[in-house]
Amino acid sequence: GLREASAGLARRFGATRLSLQAGWRESNAFSATNEKSTFSFDPDDDGYQNANLGLTLDHDWAEGHTVTLRGLTSRGRTEFDAGAGTADVNRQRLTSLALESRDRIDANWRSLLRLARGADHIRTDGAFPGYFDTDQDEATWQNDVAALGGQWVAGLEARREKVRSDTAFSKTRRRFLSAFGGYSARFGDHLVEASARHDDDSQFGGHATGKLGYGFKLTPQWRASASFGTAFKVPSFNDLYYPLSFGFSGNPDLKPERARSTELALRHDGEALQGGLVLFQSRVRDLIAVDPTFTTVNNVNTARIRGATLDAAWREGIWTARGEITRQDAEDADTGTRLVRRARVFGSASVGVALGDWRAGVEWVGSGARYGAASNVETSRMGGYGLVNLTSAWSVTPRWTLAARLNNAADKRYELVQGYNTPARNLFVSLAYSDL
């Protein structure tokens, strides 16, 4: 029972450009949970509604100098399950406002200064009423400079986060100060890339990350490359302090994730055929993951993820085809157990045809088996699945397009998260107008 509509309008007034976008969506949906959801099953339908409005205003106040104002507001209502016999609803308001100045300092130097504020406010009614208000302020200054045969980037970033709730969080504010820089260039058949970043977190201290990459053009169509990088991620306020609900709560003792990743790739880019093979490996210390008992989140001492992705795309005349498959091992390096909700094999494939004003295609999306809350426990096993989707579009006129999409054409039953339902066979029909 989905209904949606959206519209956008753009106009130019001399050196000023204005664009507006608006959208609305409503759905009766289906029950979010099923009998496998021990804590929250309720067989009622869980619908949702959303309305949004966006604005962008650009003004060229001098040659090479542009100031931009961006704004977005969105209001949503989402029904969810928190046990039988209660009407549980999230009401969410998202807003963002940003002011940007893009300036060409000289022929080789571009500067970007951005001030932004975002807000995410949620009110919950039902079995566990409450509210969560998260606000974020951000300032960024980035410089892009062409020098020494390549492209340099350098900048500073400051961010402040604040949370308010009817739950007594032990910490409600934190701030981040960051500096970053990078360089990329091509010298004949050689491609190089390097970047570094330092983040100072008022809650978890300082962290340095970076990346090194090198590529070599074997022929005009073939390229080999290698890269190594580090990363870290701090726990969210919910990861740390989420209140006890349905037997689940946050963990204030969480540590940030830290990762090291290596990638080797071979790529072919021809006129009719493109494709490549990527080998990857990541080691993540203190991976933030749901506890096997589904009562909290914790840190996995060392997680190891390694595998390969093979992809290819082909175009000839009216026909196009593409496919991708990934084989990976994602496991706790200390115990050898698989990480939850991660399949060993997953991929997709599609074939399309274009005949004049008409286009059609068939898609396949598949995944191997995964485990739910408790890895390697057979009762939490989620079986593999393969979904077939059909698409079609007809350009009735140069401005009007009629399209249809049939998802899960075979009406396959499958799970992404144990205890939560996914859509059965569903058909979407749309009509679009564009005067661009």
Protein backbone atom coordinates (compact mmCIF):
# COMPACT_ATOMS: atom_id res chain seq x y z
CA GLY A 1 0.00 0.00 0.00
CA LEU A 2 2.76 2.45 -0.81
CA ARG A 3 1.92 5.91 -2.14
CA GLU A 4 4.54 8.54 -2.79
CA ALA A 5 5.01 11.78 -4.70
CA SER A 6 7.94 14.15 -5.14
CA ALA A 7 8.64 17.31 -7.09
CA GLY A 8 11.53 19.67 -7.70
CA LEU A 9 11.84 23.12 -9.25
CA ALA A 10 14.99 25.05 -10.19
CA ARG A 11 15.30 28.61 -11.47
CA ARG A 12 18.16 31.01 -12.23
CA PHE A 13 18.01 34.76 -11.64
CA GLY A 14 21.22 36.24 -13.03
CA ALA A 15 24.01 35.26 -10.61
CA THR A 16 21.56 33.57 -8.23
CA ARG A 17 20.20 30.01 -8.48
CA LEU A 18 17.33 28.60 -6.46
CA SER A 19 16.07 25.02 -6.22
CA LEU A 20 13.27 23.51 -4.16
CA GLN A 21 12.44 19.85 -3.58
CA ALA A 22 9.47 18.33 -1.75
CA GLY A 23 8.39 14.75 -1.14
CA TRP A 24 5.73 12.67 0.59
CA ARG A 25 5.52 8.95 1.25
CA GLU A 26 3.02 6.74 3.07
CA SER A 27 2.69 2.97 3.37
CA ASN A 28 0.47 0.47 5.18
CA ALA A 29 3.48 -1.90 5.17
CA PHE A 30 3.39 -5.26 7.01
CA SER A 31 4.26 -6.59 10.45
CA ALA A 32 7.84 -5.63 11.31
CA THR A 33 8.41 -8.82 13.37
CA ASN A 34 7.48 -12.47 13.42
CA GLU A 35 7.37 -15.30 15.98
CA LYS A 36 11.18 -15.58 16.03
CA SER A 37 11.39 -12.12 17.61
CA THR A 38 11.22 -13.25 21.24
CA PHE A 39 11.01 -9.83 22.88
CA SER A 40 8.79 -7.77 20.62
CA PHE A 41 6.50 -9.81 18.32
CA ASP A 42 3.17 -8.14 17.49
CA PRO A 43 1.27 -9.37 14.39
CA ASP A 44 -0.20 -5.96 13.45
CA ASP A 45 0.86 -4.04 10.32
CA ASP A 46 3.56 -1.41 10.95
CA GLY A 47 3.11 1.46 8.53
CA TYR A 48 5.05 4.67 8.08
CA GLN A 49 4.67 8.21 6.80
CA ASN A 50 7.20 10.84 5.77
CA ALA A 51 7.14 14.37 4.39
CA ASN A 52 10.23 16.38 3.48
CA LEU A 53 11.22 19.75 2.05
CA GLY A 54 14.62 20.90 0.80
CA LEU A 55 16.07 24.19 -0.44
CA THR A 56 19.35 25.19 -2.09
CA LEU A 57 20.29 28.81 -2.81
CA ASP A 58 23.52 29.72 -4.67
CA HIS A 59 24.86 33.19 -5.37
CA ASP A 60 28.00 34.09 -7.37
CA TRP A 61 29.04 37.31 -5.64
CA ALA A 62 32.25 37.56 -7.72
CA GLU A 63 33.99 35.55 -10.43
CA GLY A 64 35.19 32.32 -8.84
CA HIS A 65 33.40 33.00 -5.54
CA THR A 66 30.08 31.36 -4.63
CA VAL A 67 28.10 31.33 -1.39
CA THR A 68 25.52 28.55 -0.88
CA LEU A 69 22.73 27.99 1.62
CA ARG A 70 21.30 24.46 1.97
CA GLY A 71 18.37 23.43 4.15
CA LEU A 72 16.41 20.23 4.70
CA THR A 73 13.55 19.27 7.00
CA SER A 74 11.87 15.90 7.27
CA ARG A 75 9.09 14.59 9.51
CA GLY A 76 8.41 10.88 9.82
CA ARG A 77 6.05 8.57 11.70
CA THR A 78 7.08 4.90 11.99
CA GLU A 79 5.08 2.15 13.69
CA PHE A 80 7.13 -0.65 15.23
CA ASP A 81 6.69 -3.70 17.47
CA ALA A 82 7.45 -3.71 21.20
CA GLY A 83 5.23 -6.62 22.18
CA ALA A 84 1.59 -7.56 21.70
CA GLY A 85 -1.17 -5.23 22.81
CA THR A 86 0.60 -1.87 22.49
CA ALA A 87 0.58 0.78 19.77
CA ASP A 88 4.28 1.69 19.44
CA VAL A 89 5.24 4.67 17.28
CA ASN A 90 8.40 6.69 16.62
CA ARG A 91 7.92 10.30 15.53
CA GLN A 92 11.12 11.72 14.10
CA ARG A 93 12.08 15.20 12.94
CA LEU A 94 15.31 15.64 10.98
CA THR A 95 16.65 19.08 10.10
CA SER A 96 19.90 20.31 8.63
CA LEU A 97 21.18 23.74 7.65
CA ALA A 98 24.52 24.51 6.00
CA LEU A 99 26.24 27.66 4.76
CA GLU A 100 29.14 27.20 2.31
CA SER A 101 31.63 29.50 0.67
CA ARG A 102 33.49 28.14 -2.38
CA ASP A 103 36.34 30.39 -3.46
CA ARG A 104 38.93 30.22 -6.24
CA ILE A 105 41.94 31.85 -4.61
CA ASP A 106 44.00 31.53 -7.80
CA ALA A 107 44.24 29.27 -10.84
CA ASN A 108 45.54 26.32 -8.74
CA TRP A 109 43.89 26.86 -5.34
CA ARG A 110 40.28 26.19 -4.39
CA SER A 111 38.93 26.78 -0.89
CA LEU A 112 35.75 25.48 0.79
CA LEU A 113 34.43 26.80 4.11
CA ARG A 114 31.32 25.14 5.55
CA LEU A 115 29.28 25.79 8.70
CA ALA A 116 26.52 23.28 9.37
CA ARG A 117 24.03 22.23 12.00
CA GLY A 118 21.99 19.04 12.12
CA ALA A 119 19.28 17.78 14.48
CA ASP A 120 17.66 14.37 14.97
CA HIS A 121 14.72 14.47 17.40
CA ILE A 122 12.68 11.34 18.18
CA ARG A 123 9.58 10.91 20.33
CA THR A 124 8.42 7.37 21.17
CA ASP A 125 4.91 6.39 22.28
CA GLY A 126 3.80 2.96 23.42
CA ALA A 127 5.16 0.37 25.83
CA PHE A 128 8.42 2.28 26.36
CA PRO A 129 7.72 6.02 25.86
CA GLY A 130 10.60 8.46 25.76
CA TYR A 131 12.51 10.97 23.71
CA PHE A 132 16.02 11.30 22.22
CA ASP A 133 17.29 14.60 20.83
CA THR A 134 20.69 14.62 19.11
CA ASP A 135 22.20 17.87 17.79
CA GLN A 136 25.45 18.33 15.91
CA ASP A 137 27.37 21.47 14.93
CA GLU A 138 30.20 21.29 12.40
CA ALA A 139 32.75 23.62 10.82
CA THR A 140 35.03 22.56 7.94
CA TRP A 141 37.76 24.34 6.00
CA GLN A 142 39.18 22.44 3.02
CA ASN A 143 41.78 23.54 0.48
CA ASP A 144 42.50 21.86 -2.86
CA VAL A 145 45.77 22.87 -4.50
CA ALA A 146 47.33 21.72 -7.77
CA ALA A 147 51.13 21.62 -7.29
CA LEU A 148 54.19 19.40 -7.82
CA GLY A 149 52.51 17.41 -10.56
CA GLY A 150 49.51 16.39 -8.50
CA GLN A 151 46.53 17.41 -6.41
CA TRP A 152 46.94 18.34 -2.72
CA VAL A 153 44.16 18.57 -0.13
CA ALA A 154 44.44 19.94 3.40
CA GLY A 155 41.92 21.05 5.96
CA LEU A 156 40.55 21.37 9.46
CA GLU A 157 37.29 20.14 10.91
CA ALA A 158 35.53 20.74 14.23
CA ARG A 159 32.39 18.92 15.37
CA ARG A 160 30.30 19.07 18.53
CA GLU A 161 27.64 16.51 19.48
CA LYS A 162 24.99 16.88 22.17
CA VAL A 163 22.23 14.51 23.29
CA ARG A 164 19.16 15.13 25.44
CA SER A 165 16.86 12.39 26.67
CA ASP A 166 14.54 11.32 29.47
CA THR A 167 17.25 8.72 30.14
CA ALA A 168 20.06 9.86 32.43
CA PHE A 169 23.08 9.41 30.13
CA SER A 170 26.38 9.58 32.03
CA LYS A 171 27.80 11.78 29.23
CA THR A 172 25.72 14.08 27.02
CA ARG A 173 28.33 16.11 25.10
CA ARG A 174 31.53 15.49 23.16
CA ARG A 175 33.60 17.32 20.60
CA PHE A 176 35.98 16.35 17.79
CA LEU A 177 38.86 18.38 16.37
CA SER A 178 40.48 17.04 13.19
CA ALA A 179 43.23 17.89 10.72
CA PHE A 180 43.65 16.10 7.39
CA GLY A 181 45.82 16.18 4.30
CA GLY A 182 46.43 14.18 1.14
CA TYR A 183 48.19 13.99 -2.21
CA SER A 184 47.34 12.19 -5.45
CA ALA A 185 49.11 12.26 -8.81
CA ARG A 186 49.80 10.42 -12.04
CA PHE A 187 53.31 10.16 -13.49
CA GLY A 188 53.12 8.41 -16.83
CA ASP A 189 51.80 4.92 -16.11
CA HIS A 190 52.20 5.34 -12.33
CA LEU A 191 49.40 6.49 -10.01
CA VAL A 192 50.10 7.40 -6.38
CA GLU A 193 47.91 8.42 -3.46
CA ALA A 194 48.65 9.25 0.18
CA SER A 195 46.53 10.73 2.94
CA ALA A 196 46.68 11.27 6.70
CA ARG A 197 44.24 12.44 9.35
CA HIS A 198 44.34 13.10 13.08
CA ASP A 199 41.17 13.23 15.18
CA ASP A 200 41.08 14.43 18.76
CA ASP A 201 37.99 13.17 20.61
CA SER A 202 37.09 14.71 23.98
CA GLN A 203 35.76 11.32 25.13
CA PHE A 204 38.28 8.84 23.67
CA GLY A 205 41.43 10.89 23.01
CA GLY A 206 43.51 11.28 19.84
CA HIS A 207 43.69 8.89 16.88
CA ALA A 208 45.82 9.05 13.72
CA THR A 209 44.79 7.31 10.50
CA GLY A 210 46.10 7.23 6.95
CA LYS A 211 46.21 5.54 3.57
CA LEU A 212 48.85 4.74 0.95
CA GLY A 213 47.98 3.61 -2.56
CA TYR A 214 49.86 2.81 -5.77
CA GLY A 215 48.61 1.89 -9.23
CA PHE A 216 50.33 0.94 -12.48
CA LYS A 217 48.89 0.98 -16.01
CA LEU A 218 49.97 -2.35 -17.49
CA THR A 219 48.33 -1.47 -20.82
CA PRO A 220 45.85 1.23 -21.87
CA GLN A 221 43.05 -1.09 -20.66
CA TRP A 222 44.65 -2.93 -17.69
CA ARG A 223 45.58 -1.44 -14.30
CA ALA A 224 47.05 -3.08 -11.19
CA SER A 225 46.90 -1.40 -7.78
CA ALA A 226 47.59 -1.89 -4.09
CA SER A 227 46.59 0.11 -1.01
CA PHE A 228 46.94 0.02 2.75
CA GLY A 229 44.93 2.07 5.23
CA THR A 230 43.97 2.47 8.86
CA ALA A 231 40.69 3.61 10.43
CA PHE A 232 38.88 4.02 13.71
CA LYS A 233 35.25 4.52 14.80
CA VAL A 234 33.96 5.75 18.14
CA PRO A 235 30.82 4.20 19.70
CA SER A 236 27.60 6.16 19.28
CA PHE A 237 25.70 7.54 22.27
CA ASN A 238 23.17 4.72 21.81
CA ASP A 239 25.95 2.09 21.75
CA LEU A 240 27.17 3.47 25.07
CA TYR A 241 24.07 4.53 26.97
CA TYR A 242 20.90 3.12 25.39
CA PRO A 243 18.41 2.53 28.26
CA LEU A 244 17.26 -0.93 29.23
CA SER A 245 14.43 -1.91 26.86
CA PHE A 246 13.22 -5.39 25.83
CA GLY A 247 16.12 -6.77 27.92
CA PHE A 248 18.69 -4.80 25.84
CA SER A 249 20.86 -1.86 26.92
CA GLY A 250 23.97 0.05 25.87
CA ASN A 251 27.46 -0.62 27.22
CA PRO A 252 29.29 2.41 28.72
CA ASP A 253 32.57 0.45 28.77
CA LEU A 254 32.85 0.19 24.97
CA LYS A 255 36.13 1.10 23.28
CA PRO A 256 36.53 2.62 19.78
CA GLU A 257 37.07 0.28 16.81
CA ARG A 258 40.51 0.33 15.17
CA ALA A 259 41.17 -1.26 11.79
CA ARG A 260 43.96 -1.99 9.32
CA SER A 261 43.02 -2.88 5.75
CA THR A 262 44.96 -4.07 2.70
CA GLU A 263 43.64 -4.29 -0.86
CA LEU A 264 45.09 -5.66 -4.12
CA ALA A 265 43.25 -5.11 -7.39
CA LEU A 266 43.47 -5.86 -11.11
CA ARG A 267 41.17 -3.82 -13.36
CA HIS A 268 40.23 -3.90 -17.07
CA ASP A 269 38.45 -0.93 -18.70
CA GLY A 270 37.61 -1.55 -22.35
CA GLU A 271 34.97 -0.06 -24.61
CA ALA A 272 32.62 -3.04 -24.45
CA LEU A 273 33.91 -4.92 -21.41
CA GLN A 274 34.92 -3.73 -17.94
CA GLY A 275 35.76 -5.84 -14.95
CA GLY A 276 38.11 -6.49 -12.12
CA LEU A 277 39.28 -8.64 -9.25
CA VAL A 278 39.83 -7.23 -5.75
CA LEU A 279 41.49 -9.09 -2.88
CA PHE A 280 40.91 -7.55 0.54
CA GLN A 281 41.79 -8.14 4.16
CA SER A 282 40.90 -6.17 7.29
CA ARG A 283 41.78 -6.70 10.92
CA VAL A 284 39.53 -4.83 13.32
CA ARG A 285 40.41 -4.53 16.99
CA ASP A 286 37.54 -3.98 19.43
CA LEU A 287 34.85 -4.42 16.75
CA ILE A 288 31.53 -3.11 18.11
CA ALA A 289 29.00 -5.92 17.78
CA VAL A 290 25.77 -7.18 19.35
CA ASP A 291 26.39 -9.60 22.22
CA PRO A 292 25.43 -13.24 21.39
CA THR A 293 22.74 -13.09 24.11
CA PHE A 294 21.25 -9.97 22.47
CA THR A 295 21.30 -8.09 25.77
CA THR A 296 23.93 -5.44 24.95
CA VAL A 297 26.78 -4.53 22.59
CA ASN A 298 30.41 -5.39 23.24
CA ASN A 299 33.86 -5.32 21.68
CA VAL A 300 35.15 -8.33 19.73
CA ASN A 301 38.85 -8.52 20.63
CA THR A 302 40.05 -8.98 17.05
CA ALA A 303 37.85 -9.48 13.99
CA ARG A 304 39.36 -10.63 10.69
CA ILE A 305 37.62 -10.11 7.35
CA ARG A 306 39.27 -11.34 4.17
CA GLY A 307 38.01 -12.27 0.76
CA ALA A 308 37.72 -11.39 -2.91
CA THR A 309 35.27 -9.58 -5.18
CA LEU A 310 34.96 -10.30 -8.91
CA ASP A 311 32.88 -7.98 -11.10
CA ALA A 312 32.24 -7.54 -14.82
CA ALA A 313 30.10 -5.32 -17.06
CA TRP A 314 29.41 -5.66 -20.80
CA ARG A 315 27.67 -3.45 -23.34
CA GLU A 316 27.01 -4.28 -26.97
CA GLY A 317 24.37 -2.61 -29.13
CA ILE A 318 21.02 -2.71 -27.36
CA TRP A 319 22.23 -5.13 -24.64
CA THR A 320 23.90 -4.55 -21.27
CA ALA A 321 24.91 -7.04 -18.60
CA ARG A 322 26.73 -6.83 -15.30
CA GLY A 323 27.53 -9.07 -12.37
CA GLU A 324 29.42 -9.12 -9.10
CA ILE A 325 30.25 -11.83 -6.56
CA THR A 326 32.07 -11.64 -3.24
CA ARG A 327 33.53 -14.53 -1.24
CA GLN A 328 34.62 -13.61 2.28
CA ASP A 329 35.55 -15.04 5.66
CA ALA A 330 34.45 -12.74 8.49
CA GLU A 331 35.30 -14.19 11.88
CA ASP A 332 36.42 -13.58 15.42
CA ALA A 333 40.18 -14.11 15.10
CA ASP A 334 40.42 -15.35 18.70
CA THR A 335 37.68 -18.01 18.60
CA GLY A 336 37.27 -18.68 14.86
CA THR A 337 33.48 -18.17 15.01
CA ARG A 338 31.79 -16.29 12.19
CA LEU A 339 30.66 -12.70 12.72
CA VAL A 340 26.90 -12.38 12.89
CA ARG A 341 24.81 -11.39 9.84
CA ARG A 342 27.70 -11.81 7.39
CA ALA A 343 27.39 -14.28 4.54
CA ARG A 344 30.38 -16.12 3.11
CA VAL A 345 29.09 -15.55 -0.45
CA PHE A 346 26.84 -12.84 -1.87
CA GLY A 347 26.40 -11.16 -5.23
CA SER A 348 24.16 -9.75 -7.94
CA ALA A 349 23.63 -9.93 -11.71
CA SER A 350 21.51 -8.11 -14.25
CA VAL A 351 20.69 -8.05 -17.98
CA GLY A 352 19.07 -5.10 -19.73
CA VAL A 353 17.82 -4.19 -23.19
CA ALA A 354 16.98 -0.80 -24.74
CA LEU A 355 14.74 -0.60 -27.81
CA GLY A 356 14.08 2.99 -28.79
CA ASP A 357 11.95 4.59 -26.10
CA TRP A 358 11.54 1.32 -24.17
CA ARG A 359 13.90 -0.28 -21.65
CA ALA A 360 13.59 -3.52 -19.69
CA GLY A 361 15.74 -5.61 -17.43
CA VAL A 362 15.97 -8.54 -15.07
CA GLU A 363 18.03 -8.52 -11.85
CA TRP A 364 19.15 -11.23 -9.46
CA VAL A 365 20.37 -10.56 -5.91
CA GLY A 366 21.60 -13.40 -3.74
CA SER A 367 23.27 -14.19 -0.45
CA GLY A 368 24.51 -17.29 1.34
CA ALA A 369 23.51 -18.32 4.85
CA ARG A 370 24.18 -16.05 7.83
CA TYR A 371 23.81 -16.33 11.57
CA GLY A 372 21.62 -14.10 13.73
CA ALA A 373 22.40 -13.00 17.28
CA ALA A 374 24.48 -16.07 18.16
CA SER A 375 27.14 -17.04 15.63
CA ASN A 376 27.49 -20.74 14.76
CA VAL A 377 24.37 -21.65 16.76
CA GLU A 378 22.07 -23.57 14.41
CA THR A 379 18.88 -22.08 15.86
CA SER A 380 20.06 -18.61 14.79
CA ARG A 381 20.94 -19.66 11.24
CA MET A 382 19.32 -17.60 8.47
CA GLY A 383 19.26 -19.48 5.18
CA GLY A 384 20.58 -18.17 1.89
CA TYR A 385 18.28 -16.58 -0.65
CA GLY A 386 18.06 -15.41 -4.26
CA LEU A 387 15.67 -12.68 -5.39
CA VAL A 388 14.56 -11.90 -8.95
CA ASN A 389 13.44 -8.37 -9.85
CA LEU A 390 11.96 -7.19 -13.16
CA THR A 391 12.13 -3.60 -14.43
CA SER A 392 10.62 -1.73 -17.37
CA ALA A 393 10.43 1.91 -18.47
CA TRP A 394 8.82 3.68 -21.41
CA SER A 395 9.60 7.27 -22.47
CA VAL A 396 6.10 8.27 -23.51
CA THR A 397 7.39 11.69 -24.59
CA PRO A 398 10.78 13.37 -24.12
CA ARG A 399 9.46 14.71 -20.78
CA TRP A 400 7.17 11.94 -19.49
CA THR A 401 8.36 8.48 -18.38
CA LEU A 402 6.20 5.57 -17.26
CA ALA A 403 8.04 2.88 -15.28
CA ALA A 404 7.27 -0.34 -13.43
CA ARG A 405 9.29 -2.54 -11.11
CA LEU A 406 8.39 -6.00 -9.80
CA ASN A 407 10.53 -6.92 -6.77
CA ASN A 408 10.90 -10.46 -5.44
CA ALA A 409 9.02 -11.80 -8.46
CA ALA A 410 9.15 -15.41 -7.18
CA ASP A 411 7.68 -14.33 -3.81
CA LYS A 412 10.70 -15.69 -1.95
CA ARG A 413 10.64 -15.78 1.87
CA TYR A 414 13.94 -14.64 3.33
CA GLU A 415 15.51 -12.93 6.36
CA LEU A 416 18.01 -10.09 6.72
CA VAL A 417 17.71 -9.90 10.53
CA GLN A 418 16.35 -12.82 12.52
CA GLY A 419 12.82 -12.22 13.77
CA TYR A 420 12.15 -9.34 11.35
CA ASN A 421 10.04 -9.64 8.21
CA THR A 422 11.00 -8.64 4.67
CA PRO A 423 8.72 -7.68 1.77
CA ALA A 424 6.91 -10.36 -0.23
CA ARG A 425 6.34 -9.89 -3.97
CA ASN A 426 5.69 -6.18 -4.60
CA LEU A 427 4.94 -4.05 -7.65
CA PHE A 428 5.77 -0.36 -8.07
CA VAL A 429 4.42 1.81 -10.90
CA SER A 430 5.62 5.39 -11.35
CA LEU A 431 5.03 8.34 -13.63
CA ALA A 432 7.72 11.03 -13.87
CA TYR A 433 7.98 14.40 -15.60
CA SER A 434 11.25 16.21 -16.22
CA ASP A 435 11.92 19.44 -18.09
CA LEU A 436 15.72 19.53 -17.85
